[in-house]
């Protein structure tokens, strides 16, 4: 049974990685849309390379901030 349990853990890890990758791609597309609309509302016409760069920085920051363990800062163990 140990081999089957290990195989199940491997499959669940692969599925979780795929789901997280899909969510990261979707959040990037949503962020590109938000940056384009925000620039349009501000009357700025940036190039598409700057829109993609700013969206990538914002999406990366959101993903890293969501993955960082912040619970240790709220209740420090003494």
PDB file of N, CA and C in Angstrom:
ATOM      1  N   UNK A   1       0.809  -1.202   0.000  1.00  0.00           N
ATOM      2  CA  UNK A   1       0.000   0.000   0.000  1.00  0.00           C
ATOM      3  C   UNK A   1       0.848   1.260   0.000  1.00  0.00           C
ATOM      4  N   UNK A   2       2.090   1.172   0.419  1.00  0.00           N
ATOM      5  CA  UNK A   2       2.937   2.354   0.464  1.00  0.00           C
ATOM      6  C   UNK A   2       3.216   2.921  -0.913  1.00  0.00           C
ATOM      7  N   UNK A   3       3.351   2.037  -1.907  1.00  0.00           N
ATOM      8  CA  UNK A   3       3.618   2.497  -3.272  1.00  0.00           C
ATOM      9  C   UNK A   3       2.397   3.217  -3.826  1.00  0.00           C
ATOM     10  N   UNK A   4       1.199   2.671  -3.541  1.00  0.00           N
ATOM     11  CA  UNK A   4      -0.015   3.317  -4.029  1.00  0.00           C
ATOM     12  C   UNK A   4      -0.240   4.658  -3.360  1.00  0.00           C
ATOM     13  N   UNK A   5       0.079   4.758  -2.081  1.00  0.00           N
ATOM     14  CA  UNK A   5      -0.048   6.040  -1.390  1.00  0.00           C
ATOM     15  C   UNK A   5       0.920   7.065  -1.963  1.00  0.00           C
ATOM     16  N   UNK A   6       2.132   6.647  -2.271  1.00  0.00           N
ATOM     17  CA  UNK A   6       3.111   7.552  -2.868  1.00  0.00           C
ATOM     18  C   UNK A   6       2.673   7.989  -4.255  1.00  0.00           C
ATOM     19  N   UNK A   7       2.130   7.057  -5.025  1.00  0.00           N
ATOM     20  CA  UNK A   7       1.652   7.394  -6.364  1.00  0.00           C
ATOM     21  C   UNK A   7       0.481   8.372  -6.291  1.00  0.00           C
ATOM     22  N   UNK A   8      -0.400   8.180  -5.331  1.00  0.00           N
ATOM     23  CA  UNK A   8      -1.528   9.103  -5.148  1.00  0.00           C
ATOM     24  C   UNK A   8      -1.060  10.490  -4.759  1.00  0.00           C
ATOM     25  N   UNK A   9      -0.050  10.563  -3.910  1.00  0.00           N
ATOM     26  CA  UNK A   9       0.492  11.860  -3.522  1.00  0.00           C
ATOM     27  C   UNK A   9       1.154  12.555  -4.707  1.00  0.00           C
ATOM     28  N   UNK A  10       1.836  11.773  -5.547  1.00  0.00           N
ATOM     29  CA  UNK A  10       2.468  12.331  -6.738  1.00  0.00           C
ATOM     30  C   UNK A  10       1.424  12.881  -7.702  1.00  0.00           C
ATOM     31  N   UNK A  11       0.376  12.114  -7.935  1.00  0.00           N
ATOM     32  CA  UNK A  11      -0.678  12.556  -8.852  1.00  0.00           C
ATOM     33  C   UNK A  11      -1.371  13.800  -8.312  1.00  0.00           C
ATOM     34  N   UNK A  12      -1.646  13.836  -7.017  1.00  0.00           N
ATOM     35  CA  UNK A  12      -2.303  15.015  -6.450  1.00  0.00           C
ATOM     36  C   UNK A  12      -1.398  16.238  -6.508  1.00  0.00           C
ATOM     37  N   UNK A  13      -0.094  16.049  -6.365  1.00  0.00           N
ATOM     38  CA  UNK A  13       0.835  17.175  -6.488  1.00  0.00           C
ATOM     39  C   UNK A  13       0.884  17.698  -7.913  1.00  0.00           C
ATOM     40  N   UNK A  14       0.857  16.804  -8.883  1.00  0.00           N
ATOM     41  CA  UNK A  14       0.862  17.224 -10.287  1.00  0.00           C
ATOM     42  C   UNK A  14      -0.427  17.967 -10.627  1.00  0.00           C
ATOM     43  N   UNK A  15      -1.558  17.477 -10.150  1.00  0.00           N
ATOM     44  CA  UNK A  15      -2.832  18.148 -10.401  1.00  0.00           C
ATOM     45  C   UNK A  15      -2.846  19.523  -9.741  1.00  0.00           C
ATOM     46  N   UNK A  16      -2.336  19.629  -8.521  1.00  0.00           N
ATOM     47  CA  UNK A  16      -2.284  20.920  -7.834  1.00  0.00           C
ATOM     48  C   UNK A  16      -1.377  21.897  -8.576  1.00  0.00           C
ATOM     49  N   UNK A  17      -0.257  21.420  -9.100  1.00  0.00           N
ATOM     50  CA  UNK A  17       0.643  22.293  -9.851  1.00  0.00           C
ATOM     51  C   UNK A  17      -0.023  22.798 -11.126  1.00  0.00           C
ATOM     52  N   UNK A  18      -0.763  21.926 -11.805  1.00  0.00           N
ATOM     53  CA  UNK A  18      -1.459  22.338 -13.031  1.00  0.00           C
ATOM     54  C   UNK A  18      -2.537  23.369 -12.713  1.00  0.00           C
ATOM     55  N   UNK A  19      -3.284  23.144 -11.650  1.00  0.00           N
ATOM     56  CA  UNK A  19      -4.334  24.090 -11.263  1.00  0.00           C
ATOM     57  C   UNK A  19      -3.724  25.447 -10.908  1.00  0.00           C
ATOM     58  N   UNK A  20      -2.625  25.444 -10.166  1.00  0.00           N
ATOM     59  CA  UNK A  20      -1.982  26.704  -9.803  1.00  0.00           C
ATOM     60  C   UNK A  20      -1.437  27.422 -11.034  1.00  0.00           C
ATOM     61  N   UNK A  21      -0.917  26.674 -12.002  1.00  0.00           N
ATOM     62  CA  UNK A  21      -0.429  27.288 -13.234  1.00  0.00           C
ATOM     63  C   UNK A  21      -1.574  27.920 -14.018  1.00  0.00           C
ATOM     64  N   UNK A  22      -2.705  27.249 -14.085  1.00  0.00           N
ATOM     65  CA  UNK A  22      -3.867  27.804 -14.787  1.00  0.00           C
ATOM     66  C   UNK A  22      -4.344  29.075 -14.097  1.00  0.00           C
ATOM     67  N   UNK A  23      -4.401  29.059 -12.757  1.00  0.00           N
ATOM     68  CA  UNK A  23      -4.815  30.261 -12.033  1.00  0.00           C
ATOM     69  C   UNK A  23      -3.815  31.400 -12.207  1.00  0.00           C
ATOM     70  N   UNK A  24      -2.531  31.097 -12.284  1.00  0.00           N
ATOM     71  CA  UNK A  24      -1.520  32.133 -12.503  1.00  0.00           C
ATOM     72  C   UNK A  24      -1.680  32.757 -13.883  1.00  0.00           C
ATOM     73  N   UNK A  25      -1.954  31.939 -14.891  1.00  0.00           N
ATOM     74  CA  UNK A  25      -2.150  32.468 -16.243  1.00  0.00           C
ATOM     75  C   UNK A  25      -3.418  33.314 -16.311  1.00  0.00           C
ATOM     76  N   UNK A  26      -4.488  32.846 -15.693  1.00  0.00           N
ATOM     77  CA  UNK A  26      -5.721  33.629 -15.682  1.00  0.00           C
ATOM     78  C   UNK A  26      -5.545  34.953 -14.945  1.00  0.00           C
ATOM     79  N   UNK A  27      -4.844  34.937 -13.829  1.00  0.00           N
ATOM     80  CA  UNK A  27      -4.627  36.191 -13.099  1.00  0.00           C
ATOM     81  C   UNK A  27      -3.765  37.148 -13.906  1.00  0.00           C
ATOM     82  N   UNK A  28      -2.824  36.616 -14.694  1.00  0.00           N
ATOM     83  CA  UNK A  28      -2.011  37.481 -15.549  1.00  0.00           C
ATOM     84  C   UNK A  28      -2.882  38.149 -16.611  1.00  0.00           C
ATOM     85  N   UNK A  29      -3.783  37.389 -17.254  1.00  0.00           N
ATOM     86  CA  UNK A  29      -4.649  37.977 -18.273  1.00  0.00           C
ATOM     87  C   UNK A  29      -5.583  39.027 -17.678  1.00  0.00           C
ATOM     88  N   UNK A  30      -6.115  38.749 -16.494  1.00  0.00           N
ATOM     89  CA  UNK A  30      -6.976  39.728 -15.830  1.00  0.00           C
ATOM     90  C   UNK A  30      -6.181  40.978 -15.486  1.00  0.00           C
ATOM     91  N   UNK A  31      -4.953  40.805 -15.042  1.00  0.00           N
ATOM     92  CA  UNK A  31      -4.123  41.958 -14.702  1.00  0.00           C
ATOM     93  C   UNK A  31      -3.770  42.777 -15.938  1.00  0.00           C
ATOM     94  N   UNK A  32      -3.526  42.122 -17.075  1.00  0.00           N
ATOM     95  CA  UNK A  32      -3.280  42.855 -18.330  1.00  0.00           C
ATOM     96  C   UNK A  32      -4.498  43.695 -18.680  1.00  0.00           C
ATOM     97  N   UNK A  33      -5.680  43.119 -18.545  1.00  0.00           N
ATOM     98  CA  UNK A  33      -6.911  43.864 -18.826  1.00  0.00           C
ATOM     99  C   UNK A  33      -7.055  45.063 -17.895  1.00  0.00           C
ATOM    100  N   UNK A  34      -6.784  44.862 -16.611  1.00  0.00           N
ATOM    101  CA  UNK A  34      -6.916  45.950 -15.644  1.00  0.00           C
ATOM    102  C   UNK A  34      -5.911  47.062 -15.931  1.00  0.00           C
ATOM    103  N   UNK A  35      -4.681  46.698 -16.271  1.00  0.00           N
ATOM    104  CA  UNK A  35      -3.665  47.716 -16.576  1.00  0.00           C
ATOM    105  C   UNK A  35      -4.050  48.492 -17.826  1.00  0.00           C
ATOM    106  N   UNK A  36      -4.545  47.806 -18.852  1.00  0.00           N
ATOM    107  CA  UNK A  36      -4.968  48.500 -20.068  1.00  0.00           C
ATOM    108  C   UNK A  36      -6.130  49.451 -19.808  1.00  0.00           C
ATOM    109  N   UNK A  37      -7.114  48.997 -19.044  1.00  0.00           N
ATOM    110  CA  UNK A  37      -8.248  49.852 -18.752  1.00  0.00           C
ATOM    111  C   UNK A  37      -7.850  51.026 -17.861  1.00  0.00           C
ATOM    112  N   UNK A  38      -6.973  50.781 -16.897  1.00  0.00           N
ATOM    113  CA  UNK A  38      -6.505  51.869 -16.035  1.00  0.00           C
ATOM    114  C   UNK A  38      -5.717  52.907 -16.808  1.00  0.00           C
ATOM    115  N   UNK A  39      -4.892  52.466 -17.730  1.00  0.00           N
ATOM    116  CA  UNK A  39      -4.140  53.408 -18.561  1.00  0.00           C
ATOM    117  C   UNK A  39      -5.088  54.183 -19.471  1.00  0.00           C
ATOM    118  N   UNK A  40      -6.104  53.516 -19.967  1.00  0.00           N
ATOM    119  CA  UNK A  40      -7.082  54.206 -20.808  1.00  0.00           C
ATOM    120  C   UNK A  40      -7.863  55.255 -20.036  1.00  0.00           C
ATOM    121  N   UNK A  41      -8.242  54.932 -18.797  1.00  0.00           N
ATOM    122  CA  UNK A  41      -8.960  55.905 -17.973  1.00  0.00           C
ATOM    123  C   UNK A  41      -8.076  57.088 -17.599  1.00  0.00           C
ATOM    124  N   UNK A  42      -6.782  56.848 -17.468  1.00  0.00           N
ATOM    125  CA  UNK A  42      -5.856  57.929 -17.127  1.00  0.00           C
ATOM    126  C   UNK A  42      -5.452  58.741 -18.348  1.00  0.00           C
ATOM    127  N   UNK A  43      -5.854  58.307 -19.531  1.00  0.00           N
ATOM    128  CA  UNK A  43      -5.518  59.021 -20.743  1.00  0.00           C
ATOM    129  C   UNK A  43      -4.105  58.753 -21.234  1.00  0.00           C
ATOM    130  N   UNK A  44      -3.520  57.664 -20.768  1.00  0.00           N
ATOM    131  CA  UNK A  44      -2.166  57.302 -21.153  1.00  0.00           C
ATOM    132  C   UNK A  44      -2.249  56.205 -22.202  1.00  0.00           C
ATOM    133  N   UNK A  45      -1.366  56.255 -23.167  1.00  0.00           N
ATOM    134  CA  UNK A  45      -1.339  55.236 -24.209  1.00  0.00           C
ATOM    135  C   UNK A  45       0.023  54.543 -24.207  1.00  0.00           C
ATOM    136  N   UNK A  46       0.253  53.639 -23.236  1.00  0.00           N
ATOM    137  CA  UNK A  46       1.553  52.964 -23.195  1.00  0.00           C
ATOM    138  C   UNK A  46       1.649  51.885 -24.271  1.00  0.00           C
ATOM    139  N   UNK A  47       2.863  51.527 -24.603  1.00  0.00           N
ATOM    140  CA  UNK A  47       3.068  50.435 -25.546  1.00  0.00           C
ATOM    141  C   UNK A  47       2.660  49.114 -24.932  1.00  0.00           C
ATOM    142  N   UNK A  48       2.409  48.141 -25.780  1.00  0.00           N
ATOM    143  CA  UNK A  48       1.952  46.844 -25.276  1.00  0.00           C
ATOM    144  C   UNK A  48       3.025  46.151 -24.449  1.00  0.00           C
ATOM    145  N   UNK A  49       4.302  46.447 -24.742  1.00  0.00           N
ATOM    146  CA  UNK A  49       5.367  45.821 -23.954  1.00  0.00           C
ATOM    147  C   UNK A  49       5.366  46.334 -22.518  1.00  0.00           C
ATOM    148  N   UNK A  50       5.069  47.620 -22.326  1.00  0.00           N
ATOM    149  CA  UNK A  50       5.003  48.148 -20.969  1.00  0.00           C
ATOM    150  C   UNK A  50       3.770  47.649 -20.225  1.00  0.00           C
ATOM    151  N   UNK A  51       2.673  47.447 -20.951  1.00  0.00           N
ATOM    152  CA  UNK A  51       1.460  46.895 -20.327  1.00  0.00           C
ATOM    153  C   UNK A  51       1.729  45.486 -19.834  1.00  0.00           C
ATOM    154  N   UNK A  52       2.375  44.677 -20.663  1.00  0.00           N
ATOM    155  CA  UNK A  52       2.663  43.294 -20.282  1.00  0.00           C
ATOM    156  C   UNK A  52       3.679  43.259 -19.140  1.00  0.00           C
ATOM    157  N   UNK A  53       4.687  44.130 -19.185  1.00  0.00           N
ATOM    158  CA  UNK A  53       5.677  44.164 -18.112  1.00  0.00           C
ATOM    159  C   UNK A  53       5.043  44.550 -16.783  1.00  0.00           C
ATOM    160  N   UNK A  54       4.219  45.574 -16.772  1.00  0.00           N
ATOM    161  CA  UNK A  54       3.590  45.987 -15.520  1.00  0.00           C
ATOM    162  C   UNK A  54       2.606  44.934 -15.015  1.00  0.00           C
ATOM    163  N   UNK A  55       1.885  44.291 -15.922  1.00  0.00           N
ATOM    164  CA  UNK A  55       0.967  43.227 -15.507  1.00  0.00           C
ATOM    165  C   UNK A  55       1.732  42.041 -14.948  1.00  0.00           C
ATOM    166  N   UNK A  56       2.872  41.723 -15.549  1.00  0.00           N
ATOM    167  CA  UNK A  56       3.677  40.611 -15.042  1.00  0.00           C
ATOM    168  C   UNK A  56       4.221  40.916 -13.655  1.00  0.00           C
ATOM    169  N   UNK A  57       4.655  42.144 -13.432  1.00  0.00           N
ATOM    170  CA  UNK A  57       5.165  42.519 -12.106  1.00  0.00           C
ATOM    171  C   UNK A  57       4.050  42.463 -11.068  1.00  0.00           C
ATOM    172  N   UNK A  58       2.861  42.976 -11.418  1.00  0.00           N
ATOM    173  CA  UNK A  58       1.740  42.948 -10.475  1.00  0.00           C
ATOM    174  C   UNK A  58       1.279  41.523 -10.187  1.00  0.00           C
ATOM    175  N   UNK A  59       1.174  40.687 -11.217  1.00  0.00           N
ATOM    176  CA  UNK A  59       0.732  39.305 -11.013  1.00  0.00           C
ATOM    177  C   UNK A  59       1.755  38.520 -10.208  1.00  0.00           C
ATOM    178  N   UNK A  60       3.036  38.739 -10.487  1.00  0.00           N
ATOM    179  CA  UNK A  60       4.079  38.051  -9.721  1.00  0.00           C
ATOM    180  C   UNK A  60       4.055  38.466  -8.263  1.00  0.00           C
ATOM    181  N   UNK A  61       3.885  39.745  -8.021  1.00  0.00           N
ATOM    182  CA  UNK A  61       3.805  40.224  -6.638  1.00  0.00           C
ATOM    183  C   UNK A  61       2.622  39.633  -5.889  1.00  0.00           C
ATOM    184  N   UNK A  62       1.479  39.517  -6.577  1.00  0.00           N
ATOM    185  CA  UNK A  62       0.303  38.931  -5.932  1.00  0.00           C
ATOM    186  C   UNK A  62       0.503  37.455  -5.643  1.00  0.00           C
ATOM    187  N   UNK A  63       1.130  36.740  -6.569  1.00  0.00           N
ATOM    188  CA  UNK A  63       1.367  35.305  -6.360  1.00  0.00           C
ATOM    189  C   UNK A  63       2.363  35.081  -5.234  1.00  0.00           C
ATOM    190  N   UNK A  64       3.439  35.860  -5.208  1.00  0.00           N
ATOM    191  CA  UNK A  64       4.453  35.708  -4.155  1.00  0.00           C
ATOM    192  C   UNK A  64       3.880  36.105  -2.800  1.00  0.00           C
ATOM    193  N   UNK A  65       3.095  37.174  -2.765  1.00  0.00           N
ATOM    194  CA  UNK A  65       2.492  37.597  -1.501  1.00  0.00           C
ATOM    195  C   UNK A  65       1.490  36.557  -0.993  1.00  0.00           C
ATOM    196  N   UNK A  66       0.783  35.907  -1.902  1.00  0.00           N
ATOM    197  CA  UNK A  66      -0.159  34.871  -1.484  1.00  0.00           C
ATOM    198  C   UNK A  66       0.530  33.610  -1.010  1.00  0.00           C
ATOM    199  N   UNK A  67       1.745  33.384  -1.472  1.00  0.00           N
ATOM    200  CA  UNK A  67       2.465  32.169  -1.089  1.00  0.00           C
ATOM    201  C   UNK A  67       3.325  32.361   0.144  1.00  0.00           C
ATOM    202  N   UNK A  68       3.524  33.600   0.560  1.00  0.00           N
ATOM    203  CA  UNK A  68       4.408  33.828   1.709  1.00  0.00           C
ATOM    204  C   UNK A  68       3.667  33.541   3.006  1.00  0.00           C
ATOM    205  N   UNK A  69       4.333  32.908   3.938  1.00  0.00           N
ATOM    206  CA  UNK A  69       3.679  32.585   5.222  1.00  0.00           C
ATOM    207  C   UNK A  69       3.656  33.799   6.147  1.00  0.00           C
ATOM    208  N   UNK A  70       2.530  34.456   6.211  1.00  0.00           N
ATOM    209  CA  UNK A  70       2.408  35.643   7.050  1.00  0.00           C
ATOM    210  C   UNK A  70       1.853  35.324   8.434  1.00  0.00           C
ATOM    211  N   UNK A  71       1.471  34.085   8.693  1.00  0.00           N
ATOM    212  CA  UNK A  71       0.875  33.765   9.984  1.00  0.00           C
ATOM    213  C   UNK A  71       1.886  33.842  11.121  1.00  0.00           C
ATOM    214  N   UNK A  72       3.140  33.602  10.827  1.00  0.00           N
ATOM    215  CA  UNK A  72       4.171  33.666  11.863  1.00  0.00           C
ATOM    216  C   UNK A  72       4.419  35.071  12.365  1.00  0.00           C
ATOM    217  N   UNK A  73       4.082  36.075  11.572  1.00  0.00           N
ATOM    218  CA  UNK A  73       4.281  37.457  11.995  1.00  0.00           C
ATOM    219  C   UNK A  73       3.166  37.953  12.899  1.00  0.00           C
ATOM    220  N   UNK A  74       1.956  37.417  12.729  1.00  0.00           N
ATOM    221  CA  UNK A  74       0.826  37.878  13.511  1.00  0.00           C
ATOM    222  C   UNK A  74       0.892  37.354  14.940  1.00  0.00           C
ATOM    223  N   UNK A  75       1.274  36.115  15.131  1.00  0.00           N
ATOM    224  CA  UNK A  75       1.351  35.507  16.455  1.00  0.00           C
ATOM    225  C   UNK A  75       2.740  34.928  16.678  1.00  0.00           C
ATOM    226  N   UNK A  76       3.688  35.761  17.067  1.00  0.00           N
ATOM    227  CA  UNK A  76       5.047  35.217  17.251  1.00  0.00           C
ATOM    228  C   UNK A  76       5.102  34.241  18.431  1.00  0.00           C
ATOM    229  N   UNK A  77       5.741  33.147  18.218  1.00  0.00           N
ATOM    230  CA  UNK A  77       5.919  32.140  19.269  1.00  0.00           C
ATOM    231  C   UNK A  77       7.114  32.524  20.134  1.00  0.00           C
ATOM    232  N   UNK A  78       6.894  32.577  21.419  1.00  0.00           N
ATOM    233  CA  UNK A  78       7.988  32.939  22.334  1.00  0.00           C
ATOM    234  C   UNK A  78       8.420  31.752  23.123  1.00  0.00           C
TER     235      UNK A  78
END
